C-alpha atoms as a PDB file:
ATOM      1  CA  MET A   1     -20.163  -6.305  -6.340  1.00  0.00           C
ATOM      2  CA  GLU A   2     -19.118  -8.582  -3.621  1.00  0.00           C
ATOM      3  CA  ALA A   3     -16.320 -10.973  -3.501  1.00  0.00           C
ATOM      4  CA  THR A   4     -16.195 -14.665  -3.112  1.00  0.00           C
ATOM      5  CA  LEU A   5     -14.728 -16.308  -1.067  1.00  0.00           C
ATOM      6  CA  LEU A   6     -12.031 -18.409  -2.216  1.00  0.00           C
ATOM      7  CA  LYS A   7     -11.162 -20.270   0.904  1.00  0.00           C
ATOM      8  CA  SER A   8     -10.368 -19.553   5.166  1.00  0.00           C
ATOM      9  CA  HIS A   9      -8.523 -20.631   7.690  1.00  0.00           C
ATOM     10  CA  LYS A  10      -9.229 -20.104  11.710  1.00  0.00           C
ATOM     11  CA  THR A  11      -6.451 -17.516  13.137  1.00  0.00           C
ATOM     12  CA  PHE A  12      -6.399 -16.036  16.733  1.00  0.00           C
ATOM     13  CA  GLU A  13     -10.747 -16.725  16.113  1.00  0.00           C
ATOM     14  CA  GLY A  14     -10.741 -14.644  13.785  1.00  0.00           C
ATOM     15  CA  LYS A  15     -10.282 -15.727   9.679  1.00  0.00           C
ATOM     16  CA  THR A  16      -7.920 -15.897   7.971  1.00  0.00           C
ATOM     17  CA  GLN A  17      -9.624 -15.305   3.565  1.00  0.00           C
ATOM     18  CA  PHE A  18      -9.046 -15.331   0.367  1.00  0.00           C
ATOM     19  CA  TRP A  19     -11.128 -13.632  -2.471  1.00  0.00           C
ATOM     20  CA  GLU A  20     -12.036 -12.888  -5.801  1.00  0.00           C
ATOM     21  CA  HIS A  21     -13.805 -10.394  -7.807  1.00  0.00           C
ATOM     22  CA  ASP A  22     -14.417  -8.438 -11.062  1.00  0.00           C
ATOM     23  CA  SER A  23     -13.113  -5.290 -10.618  1.00  0.00           C
ATOM     24  CA  THR A  24     -15.391  -2.433 -12.635  1.00  0.00           C
ATOM     25  CA  SER A  25     -11.128  -0.594 -12.141  1.00  0.00           C
ATOM     26  CA  THR A  26      -8.964  -3.198 -13.660  1.00  0.00           C
ATOM     27  CA  LYS A  27     -11.344  -4.619 -16.007  1.00  0.00           C
ATOM     28  CA  THR A  28     -10.013  -8.525 -14.835  1.00  0.00           C
ATOM     29  CA  LYS A  29     -11.042 -10.545 -11.610  1.00  0.00           C
ATOM     30  CA  MET A  30      -8.179  -9.234  -8.807  1.00  0.00           C
ATOM     31  CA  LYS A  31      -7.694 -10.851  -5.043  1.00  0.00           C
ATOM     32  CA  PHE A  32      -7.274  -9.572  -2.224  1.00  0.00           C
ATOM     33  CA  SER A  33      -6.770 -12.082   1.291  1.00  0.00           C
ATOM     34  CA  THR A  34      -8.194 -10.596   4.761  1.00  0.00           C
ATOM     35  CA  PHE A  35      -8.181 -10.742   8.733  1.00  0.00           C
ATOM     36  CA  ILE A  36     -11.296 -10.384   9.645  1.00  0.00           C
ATOM     37  CA  PRO A  37     -11.394 -10.837  14.006  1.00  0.00           C
ATOM     38  CA  THR A  38     -14.102 -12.295  15.754  1.00  0.00           C
ATOM     39  CA  GLY A  39     -16.345 -10.423  17.612  1.00  0.00           C
ATOM     40  CA  LEU A  40     -16.767  -6.622  16.631  1.00  0.00           C
ATOM     41  CA  VAL A  41     -14.657  -5.023  13.590  1.00  0.00           C
ATOM     42  CA  LYS A  42     -13.766  -1.803  15.305  1.00  0.00           C
ATOM     43  CA  GLY A  43     -11.945  -0.318  11.861  1.00  0.00           C
ATOM     44  CA  CYS A  44      -9.764  -2.084   8.759  1.00  0.00           C
ATOM     45  CA  VAL A  45      -6.402  -0.897   8.030  1.00  0.00           C
ATOM     46  CA  ILE A  46      -5.930  -1.027   4.119  1.00  0.00           C
ATOM     47  CA  TRP A  47      -1.777  -3.277   3.075  1.00  0.00           C
ATOM     48  CA  LEU A  48      -0.589  -2.569  -0.206  1.00  0.00           C
ATOM     49  CA  SER A  49       2.364  -4.872  -0.976  1.00  0.00           C
ATOM     50  CA  GLY A  50       5.672  -4.662  -2.350  1.00  0.00           C
ATOM     51  CA  LEU A  51       7.785  -5.882  -6.285  1.00  0.00           C
ATOM     52  CA  THR A  52       7.246  -9.532  -7.550  1.00  0.00           C
ATOM     53  CA  CYS A  53       3.987  -9.484  -3.872  1.00  0.00           C
ATOM     54  CA  THR A  54       0.483 -10.781  -4.235  1.00  0.00           C
ATOM     55  CA  ASP A  55      -2.201 -10.800  -2.161  1.00  0.00           C
ATOM     56  CA  GLU A  56      -0.287 -13.387   0.317  1.00  0.00           C
ATOM     57  CA  ASN A  57       2.548 -12.475   1.145  1.00  0.00           C
ATOM     58  CA  PHE A  58       1.614 -10.012   4.080  1.00  0.00           C
ATOM     59  CA  ILE A  59      -0.936 -11.755   5.965  1.00  0.00           C
ATOM     60  CA  THR A  60       0.739 -15.427   5.569  1.00  0.00           C
ATOM     61  CA  LYS A  61       4.731 -13.961   6.490  1.00  0.00           C
ATOM     62  CA  ALA A  62       4.307 -10.141   8.273  1.00  0.00           C
ATOM     63  CA  GLY A  63       2.614 -12.302  12.333  1.00  0.00           C
ATOM     64  CA  ALA A  64       0.144  -9.684  12.273  1.00  0.00           C
ATOM     65  CA  GLN A  65      -3.627 -11.690  13.467  1.00  0.00           C
ATOM     66  CA  LYS A  66      -2.387 -11.357  16.363  1.00  0.00           C
ATOM     67  CA  TYR A  67      -1.392  -8.183  16.835  1.00  0.00           C
ATOM     68  CA  LEU A  68      -5.165  -7.562  14.833  1.00  0.00           C
ATOM     69  CA  ALA A  69      -6.910  -9.482  16.667  1.00  0.00           C
ATOM     70  CA  GLU A  70      -5.971  -7.306  19.909  1.00  0.00           C
ATOM     71  CA  HIS A  71      -6.979  -4.353  18.981  1.00  0.00           C
ATOM     72  CA  GLN A  72     -10.188  -5.663  17.053  1.00  0.00           C
ATOM     73  CA  LEU A  73      -8.623  -4.179  13.603  1.00  0.00           C
ATOM     74  CA  MET A  74      -9.544  -5.858  10.334  1.00  0.00           C
ATOM     75  CA  VAL A  75      -6.439  -6.079   7.771  1.00  0.00           C
ATOM     76  CA  ILE A  76      -7.034  -6.077   3.470  1.00  0.00           C
ATOM     77  CA  CYS A  77      -4.319  -7.421   1.101  1.00  0.00           C
ATOM     78  CA  PRO A  78      -5.017  -6.183  -2.373  1.00  0.00           C
ATOM     79  CA  ASP A  79      -2.965  -7.854  -5.385  1.00  0.00           C
ATOM     80  CA  THR A  80      -0.210  -5.479  -6.366  1.00  0.00           C
ATOM     81  CA  SER A  81      -1.461  -5.513 -10.487  1.00  0.00           C
ATOM     82  CA  PRO A  82      -3.452  -6.898 -12.485  1.00  0.00           C
ATOM     83  CA  ARG A  83      -3.238 -10.538 -13.692  1.00  0.00           C
ATOM     84  CA  GLY A  84      -3.675 -12.606 -16.785  1.00  0.00           C
ATOM     85  CA  LEU A  85      -3.538  -9.995 -19.464  1.00  0.00           C
ATOM     86  CA  GLN A  86      -0.800 -10.515 -21.830  1.00  0.00           C
ATOM     87  CA  LEU A  87       0.276  -6.534 -22.184  1.00  0.00           C
ATOM     88  CA  PRO A  88       3.597  -5.387 -25.096  1.00  0.00           C
ATOM     89  CA  GLY A  89       6.261  -5.477 -21.860  1.00  0.00           C
ATOM     90  CA  GLU A  90       4.419  -6.616 -19.122  1.00  0.00           C
ATOM     91  CA  HIS A  91       6.536 -10.033 -18.020  1.00  0.00           C
ATOM     92  CA  GLU A  92      10.036  -9.069 -19.547  1.00  0.00           C
ATOM     93  CA  ALA A  93      11.338  -7.505 -15.995  1.00  0.00           C
ATOM     94  CA  TYR A  94      10.211  -7.788 -11.987  1.00  0.00           C
ATOM     95  CA  ASP A  95      10.211  -4.161 -11.197  1.00  0.00           C
ATOM     96  CA  PHE A  96       7.568  -2.976 -14.435  1.00  0.00           C
ATOM     97  CA  GLY A  97       3.640  -5.127 -15.532  1.00  0.00           C
ATOM     98  CA  SER A  98       3.215  -7.619 -13.674  1.00  0.00           C
ATOM     99  CA  GLY A  99       3.231  -7.106  -9.778  1.00  0.00           C
ATOM    100  CA  ALA A 100       4.636  -4.019 -10.040  1.00  0.00           C
ATOM    101  CA  SER A 101       1.514  -1.611 -11.461  1.00  0.00           C
ATOM    102  CA  PHE A 102       3.252   1.416  -8.789  1.00  0.00           C
ATOM    103  CA  TYR A 103      -0.848   1.675  -8.038  1.00  0.00           C
ATOM    104  CA  VAL A 104      -0.838   4.763 -10.320  1.00  0.00           C
ATOM    105  CA  ASP A 105      -3.956   4.752 -12.339  1.00  0.00           C
ATOM    106  CA  ALA A 106      -2.128   4.557 -16.040  1.00  0.00           C
ATOM    107  CA  LYS A 107      -2.212   6.551 -18.803  1.00  0.00           C
ATOM    108  CA  THR A 108      -0.360   4.810 -21.743  1.00  0.00           C
ATOM    109  CA  GLU A 109      -1.095   2.637 -24.891  1.00  0.00           C
ATOM    110  CA  GLY A 110      -2.731  -0.817 -23.457  1.00  0.00           C
ATOM    111  CA  TYR A 111      -1.919   0.115 -19.952  1.00  0.00           C
ATOM    112  CA  ASN A 112      -4.599   2.523 -19.202  1.00  0.00           C
ATOM    113  CA  ALA A 113      -7.651   0.577 -19.553  1.00  0.00           C
ATOM    114  CA  HIS A 114      -5.929  -1.965 -17.173  1.00  0.00           C
ATOM    115  CA  TYR A 115      -3.027  -0.895 -14.678  1.00  0.00           C
ATOM    116  CA  ASN A 116      -5.800   1.820 -12.830  1.00  0.00           C
ATOM    117  CA  MET A 117      -4.168   0.816  -9.583  1.00  0.00           C
ATOM    118  CA  PHE A 118      -4.830   3.751  -7.920  1.00  0.00           C
ATOM    119  CA  SER A 119      -8.777   4.358  -8.239  1.00  0.00           C
ATOM    120  CA  TYR A 120      -9.201   0.614  -7.586  1.00  0.00           C
ATOM    121  CA  VAL A 121      -7.485   1.299  -4.628  1.00  0.00           C
ATOM    122  CA  ALA A 122      -8.436   4.313  -3.503  1.00  0.00           C
ATOM    123  CA  ASN A 123     -12.360   3.827  -4.528  1.00  0.00           C
ATOM    124  CA  GLU A 124     -13.306   0.566  -5.753  1.00  0.00           C
ATOM    125  CA  LEU A 125     -11.984  -0.981  -2.562  1.00  0.00           C
ATOM    126  CA  PHE A 126     -12.852   1.698  -0.287  1.00  0.00           C
ATOM    127  CA  ASP A 127     -16.147   1.103  -1.310  1.00  0.00           C
ATOM    128  CA  LEU A 128     -15.989  -2.483  -0.902  1.00  0.00           C
ATOM    129  CA  ILE A 129     -14.956  -2.774   2.336  1.00  0.00           C
ATOM    130  CA  GLN A 130     -18.048  -0.588   3.322  1.00  0.00           C
ATOM    131  CA  SER A 131     -20.310  -2.993   1.660  1.00  0.00           C
ATOM    132  CA  GLN A 132     -19.421  -6.260   1.888  1.00  0.00           C
ATOM    133  CA  PHE A 133     -17.128  -6.311   5.545  1.00  0.00           C
ATOM    134  CA  GLN A 134     -19.654  -3.173   7.138  1.00  0.00           C
ATOM    135  CA  VAL A 135     -16.963  -1.801   7.682  1.00  0.00           C
ATOM    136  CA  PRO A 136     -17.970   2.509   8.795  1.00  0.00           C
ATOM    137  CA  LYS A 137     -15.814   4.876   6.032  1.00  0.00           C
ATOM    138  CA  ASN A 138     -14.449   6.652   8.426  1.00  0.00           C
ATOM    139  CA  LYS A 139     -12.872   3.125  10.554  1.00  0.00           C
ATOM    140  CA  ILE A 140     -10.188   2.870   7.859  1.00  0.00           C
ATOM    141  CA  SER A 141      -5.969   3.649   7.256  1.00  0.00           C
ATOM    142  CA  ILE A 142      -3.506   2.303   5.250  1.00  0.00           C
ATOM    143  CA  MET A 143       0.349   0.846   5.230  1.00  0.00           C
ATOM    144  CA  GLY A 144       2.416  -0.333   2.817  1.00  0.00           C
ATOM    145  CA  HIS A 145       6.004  -2.232   1.875  1.00  0.00           C
ATOM    146  CA  SER A 146       8.404  -0.779  -0.791  1.00  0.00           C
ATOM    147  CA  MET A 147       6.807   0.150  -3.698  1.00  0.00           C
ATOM    148  CA  GLY A 148       2.795   0.053  -1.417  1.00  0.00           C
ATOM    149  CA  GLY A 149       4.438   1.850   1.222  1.00  0.00           C
ATOM    150  CA  HIS A 150       4.743   4.592  -1.998  1.00  0.00           C
ATOM    151  CA  GLY A 151       1.069   3.174  -3.325  1.00  0.00           C
ATOM    152  CA  ALA A 152       0.375   3.819   1.107  1.00  0.00           C
ATOM    153  CA  LEU A 153       1.626   7.749   1.087  1.00  0.00           C
ATOM    154  CA  VAL A 154       0.294   8.852  -2.881  1.00  0.00           C
ATOM    155  CA  ILE A 155      -3.145   7.173  -1.738  1.00  0.00           C
ATOM    156  CA  GLY A 156      -3.760   8.851   1.459  1.00  0.00           C
ATOM    157  CA  LEU A 157      -2.543  11.243   1.491  1.00  0.00           C
ATOM    158  CA  ARG A 158      -4.029  12.976  -1.712  1.00  0.00           C
ATOM    159  CA  GLU A 159      -7.483  10.871  -0.304  1.00  0.00           C
ATOM    160  CA  SER A 160      -6.411  12.270   2.999  1.00  0.00           C
ATOM    161  CA  GLN A 161     -10.459  12.433   3.976  1.00  0.00           C
ATOM    162  CA  LYS A 162     -10.603   9.343   3.746  1.00  0.00           C
ATOM    163  CA  PHE A 163      -8.119   7.523   5.530  1.00  0.00           C
ATOM    164  CA  GLN A 164      -7.197   7.754   9.379  1.00  0.00           C
ATOM    165  CA  SER A 165      -4.065   7.169   9.547  1.00  0.00           C
ATOM    166  CA  ILE A 166      -0.706   5.902   6.766  1.00  0.00           C
ATOM    167  CA  SER A 167       1.728   3.693   7.970  1.00  0.00           C
ATOM    168  CA  ALA A 168       4.943   2.197   5.381  1.00  0.00           C
ATOM    169  CA  PHE A 169       7.189   0.144   5.475  1.00  0.00           C
ATOM    170  CA  SER A 170      10.451   1.157   4.071  1.00  0.00           C
ATOM    171  CA  PRO A 171       8.667   3.382   1.645  1.00  0.00           C
ATOM    172  CA  ILE A 172       9.968   4.500  -2.046  1.00  0.00           C
ATOM    173  CA  VAL A 173       8.980   8.436  -0.921  1.00  0.00           C
ATOM    174  CA  ASN A 174      10.859   9.843  -4.225  1.00  0.00           C
ATOM    175  CA  PRO A 175      10.108   7.622  -6.795  1.00  0.00           C
ATOM    176  CA  THR A 176      10.535  10.725  -9.944  1.00  0.00           C
ATOM    177  CA  LYS A 177      14.066  10.673  -8.396  1.00  0.00           C
ATOM    178  CA  ALA A 178      14.638   6.707  -8.185  1.00  0.00           C
ATOM    179  CA  PRO A 179      15.283   4.007 -11.199  1.00  0.00           C
ATOM    180  CA  TRP A 180      12.668   1.684 -10.366  1.00  0.00           C
ATOM    181  CA  GLY A 181       9.898   4.894 -10.040  1.00  0.00           C
ATOM    182  CA  VAL A 182      11.639   6.685 -13.173  1.00  0.00           C
ATOM    183  CA  LYS A 183      10.738   2.717 -15.646  1.00  0.00           C
ATOM    184  CA  ALA A 184       7.747   2.463 -14.324  1.00  0.00           C
ATOM    185  CA  PHE A 185       6.721   6.437 -14.518  1.00  0.00           C
ATOM    186  CA  THR A 186       7.515   6.332 -17.616  1.00  0.00           C
ATOM    187  CA  GLY A 187       6.032   2.964 -18.735  1.00  0.00           C
ATOM    188  CA  TYR A 188       2.944   4.099 -17.182  1.00  0.00           C
ATOM    189  CA  LEU A 189       2.492   7.022 -17.411  1.00  0.00           C
ATOM    190  CA  GLY A 190       4.739   8.371 -20.218  1.00  0.00           C
ATOM    191  CA  GLU A 191       7.370  11.101 -21.056  1.00  0.00           C
ATOM    192  CA  ASP A 192       5.623  14.561 -19.072  1.00  0.00           C
ATOM    193  CA  GLN A 193       7.440  14.317 -16.213  1.00  0.00           C
ATOM    194  CA  ASP A 194       5.159  16.865 -14.693  1.00  0.00           C
ATOM    195  CA  ASN A 195       2.269  13.778 -15.003  1.00  0.00           C
ATOM    196  CA  TRP A 196       5.156  11.539 -12.582  1.00  0.00           C
ATOM    197  CA  LYS A 197       4.671  13.754  -9.623  1.00  0.00           C
ATOM    198  CA  GLN A 198       1.012  13.628  -8.566  1.00  0.00           C
ATOM    199  CA  TYR A 199       2.372   9.954  -7.309  1.00  0.00           C
ATOM    200  CA  ASP A 200       4.785  11.219  -5.156  1.00  0.00           C
ATOM    201  CA  ALA A 201       5.537  11.249  -2.317  1.00  0.00           C
ATOM    202  CA  THR A 202       7.715  14.116  -1.258  1.00  0.00           C
ATOM    203  CA  GLU A 203       6.218  16.163  -4.583  1.00  0.00           C
ATOM    204  CA  LEU A 204       2.581  15.876  -3.369  1.00  0.00           C
ATOM    205  CA  ILE A 205       3.705  17.239   0.325  1.00  0.00           C
ATOM    206  CA  ARG A 206       6.294  20.396  -1.242  1.00  0.00           C
ATOM    207  CA  SER A 207       2.825  20.848  -3.290  1.00  0.00           C
ATOM    208  CA  GLY A 208      -0.022  21.646  -0.278  1.00  0.00           C
ATOM    209  CA  ALA A 209      -0.491  17.799   0.338  1.00  0.00           C
ATOM    210  CA  ARG A 210      -1.154  17.096   3.923  1.00  0.00           C
ATOM    211  CA  HIS A 211      -2.234  14.077   6.421  1.00  0.00           C
ATOM    212  CA  GLU A 212      -3.900  16.176   9.681  1.00  0.00           C
ATOM    213  CA  GLY A 213      -2.532  12.017  11.977  1.00  0.00           C
ATOM    214  CA  THR A 214       1.257  11.808  12.061  1.00  0.00           C
ATOM    215  CA  ILE A 215       2.616   9.795   9.149  1.00  0.00           C
ATOM    216  CA  LEU A 216       4.798   6.497  10.633  1.00  0.00           C
ATOM    217  CA  ILE A 217       7.488   4.706   8.915  1.00  0.00           C
ATOM    218  CA  ASP A 218      10.340   1.719   8.687  1.00  0.00           C
ATOM    219  CA  GLN A 219      14.022   1.482   7.836  1.00  0.00           C
ATOM    220  CA  GLY A 220      16.447  -0.441   8.238  1.00  0.00           C
ATOM    221  CA  ARG A 221      20.181   0.783   7.651  1.00  0.00           C
ATOM    222  CA  ALA A 222      21.094  -2.300   6.274  1.00  0.00           C
ATOM    223  CA  ASP A 223      18.853  -2.500   3.504  1.00  0.00           C
ATOM    224  CA  GLU A 224      20.357  -3.159   0.417  1.00  0.00           C
ATOM    225  CA  PHE A 225      17.382  -0.988  -1.189  1.00  0.00           C
ATOM    226  CA  PHE A 226      17.990   1.962   0.834  1.00  0.00           C
ATOM    227  CA  ILE A 227      21.936   2.036   0.186  1.00  0.00           C
ATOM    228  CA  LYS A 228      21.263   2.532  -3.207  1.00  0.00           C
ATOM    229  CA  GLY A 229      19.426   4.723  -3.990  1.00  0.00           C
ATOM    230  CA  GLN A 230      16.066   3.984  -4.204  1.00  0.00           C
ATOM    231  CA  LEU A 231      13.798   4.303  -0.868  1.00  0.00           C
ATOM    232  CA  LEU A 232      14.806   8.055  -0.506  1.00  0.00           C
ATOM    233  CA  THR A 233      13.760   8.351   2.705  1.00  0.00           C
ATOM    234  CA  SER A 234      15.234  11.680   3.878  1.00  0.00           C
ATOM    235  CA  ASN A 235      13.439  13.759   1.013  1.00  0.00           C
ATOM    236  CA  PHE A 236      10.884  12.444   2.257  1.00  0.00           C
ATOM    237  CA  GLU A 237      11.632  13.613   5.866  1.00  0.00           C
ATOM    238  CA  ASN A 238      12.883  16.855   4.972  1.00  0.00           C
ATOM    239  CA  SER A 239       9.353  17.424   2.729  1.00  0.00           C
ATOM    240  CA  CYS A 240       7.686  17.283   5.103  1.00  0.00           C
ATOM    241  CA  GLU A 241       9.783  19.560   8.404  1.00  0.00           C
ATOM    242  CA  GLY A 242      10.131  22.006   5.823  1.00  0.00           C
ATOM    243  CA  SER A 243       5.897  22.327   4.889  1.00  0.00           C
ATOM    244  CA  GLY A 244       4.740  21.252   8.565  1.00  0.00           C
ATOM    245  CA  GLN A 245       3.707  17.848   7.911  1.00  0.00           C
ATOM    246  CA  LYS A 246       3.923  15.411  11.048  1.00  0.00           C
ATOM    247  CA  VAL A 247       5.962  12.272  10.232  1.00  0.00           C
ATOM    248  CA  LYS A 248       7.539   9.844  12.538  1.00  0.00           C
ATOM    249  CA  VAL A 249      10.915   7.288  11.104  1.00  0.00           C
ATOM    250  CA  ASN A 250      12.246   4.479  12.796  1.00  0.00           C
ATOM    251  CA  TYR A 251      15.560   3.570  11.342  1.00  0.00           C
ATOM    252  CA  ARG A 252      16.803  -0.195  12.852  1.00  0.00           C
ATOM    253  CA  ASP A 253      20.004  -1.053  12.870  1.00  0.00           C
ATOM    254  CA  ASP A 254      20.950  -4.032  11.073  1.00  0.00           C
ATOM    255  CA  TYR A 255      17.800  -4.723   9.448  1.00  0.00           C
ATOM    256  CA  ASP A 256      17.010  -5.176   6.091  1.00  0.00           C
ATOM    257  CA  HIS A 257      14.225  -4.501   4.027  1.00  0.00           C
ATOM    258  CA  SER A 258      12.736  -8.164   3.670  1.00  0.00           C
ATOM    259  CA  TYR A 259       9.351  -9.498   5.571  1.00  0.00           C
ATOM    260  CA  TYR A 260      10.951 -10.928   7.927  1.00  0.00           C
ATOM    261  CA  PHE A 261      12.117  -6.795   9.132  1.00  0.00           C
ATOM    262  CA  ILE A 262       8.247  -6.368   9.019  1.00  0.00           C
ATOM    263  CA  ALA A 263       7.321  -8.638  10.585  1.00  0.00           C
ATOM    264  CA  THR A 264       9.516  -7.796  13.077  1.00  0.00           C
ATOM    265  CA  PHE A 265       7.836  -3.842  13.906  1.00  0.00           C
ATOM    266  CA  ILE A 266       4.486  -4.832  12.692  1.00  0.00           C
ATOM    267  CA  GLU A 267       3.149  -4.475  16.107  1.00  0.00           C
ATOM    268  CA  GLY A 268       3.682  -1.397  17.051  1.00  0.00           C
ATOM    269  CA  HIS A 269       1.832   0.388  13.811  1.00  0.00           C
ATOM    270  CA  ILE A 270      -1.148  -1.943  14.171  1.00  0.00           C
ATOM    271  CA  LYS A 271      -0.724   0.202  17.243  1.00  0.00           C
ATOM    272  CA  HIS A 272      -0.800   3.589  15.623  1.00  0.00           C
ATOM    273  CA  HIS A 273      -3.665   2.390  13.129  1.00  0.00           C
ATOM    274  CA  ALA A 274      -6.051   1.195  16.288  1.00  0.00           C
ATOM    275  CA  SER A 275      -4.570   4.891  17.793  1.00  0.00           C
ATOM    276  CA  PHE A 276      -6.988   6.874  15.035  1.00  0.00           C
ATOM    277  CA  LEU A 277      -9.886   3.741  14.094  1.00  0.00           C
ATOM    278  CA  THR A 278     -10.807   3.071  18.135  1.00  0.00           C
END
């Protein structure tokens, strides 16, 4: 089903736009934003946002449109969870439920009917990019921030044949060992921790998942969540080093977890994806 255009703004000779469609994965309406450059679109990057974010955060704060236009790339930014539901505990905390899907296909009662964000991104959105925006299936990459960085790594590794490149800002790389991940996975997937590992990038690498390209990560050293042990960047690095997965991690002194950090280094990530897509 095609998405409906809600609003459009001319930007760097292209268009920043906001859309809505009926999702078969979540059984709700879902929103996403896009930037589409003028002329030939050479590829599309999916951006997955973090906790509490919507489809609007990246497109309004990251300053990516200029660099996307230079490389003739489109970006598409889905919302971070289904909306308009009243599931048990869904709206009680910022790190579970609404705005906090963790990009899993849920198994627990109630959530399993709607919180299927892995399938939404990896299948439904992937197909929509081709059908509505005419981007070839071999010209799509994925990136994200924090919870969305976790989603980009997991989806990119598990569906490596679909995504030409992967990058992340401040990703939660080992959620089965982090308080955020333990809470979310218990609520969405249940108590059986064997089910959690398929949504943990560090565990996926250890179990043999690979991507042909070099995974790019930027991480601020002054990031409060890095300091508090929510992100566990070195666990992913060590797993990649021991398994032969190519990864480049840029540690950035004095940078935090915010979109000021993302805006500072987004050009490098766009260039990274352009090298695979164009």
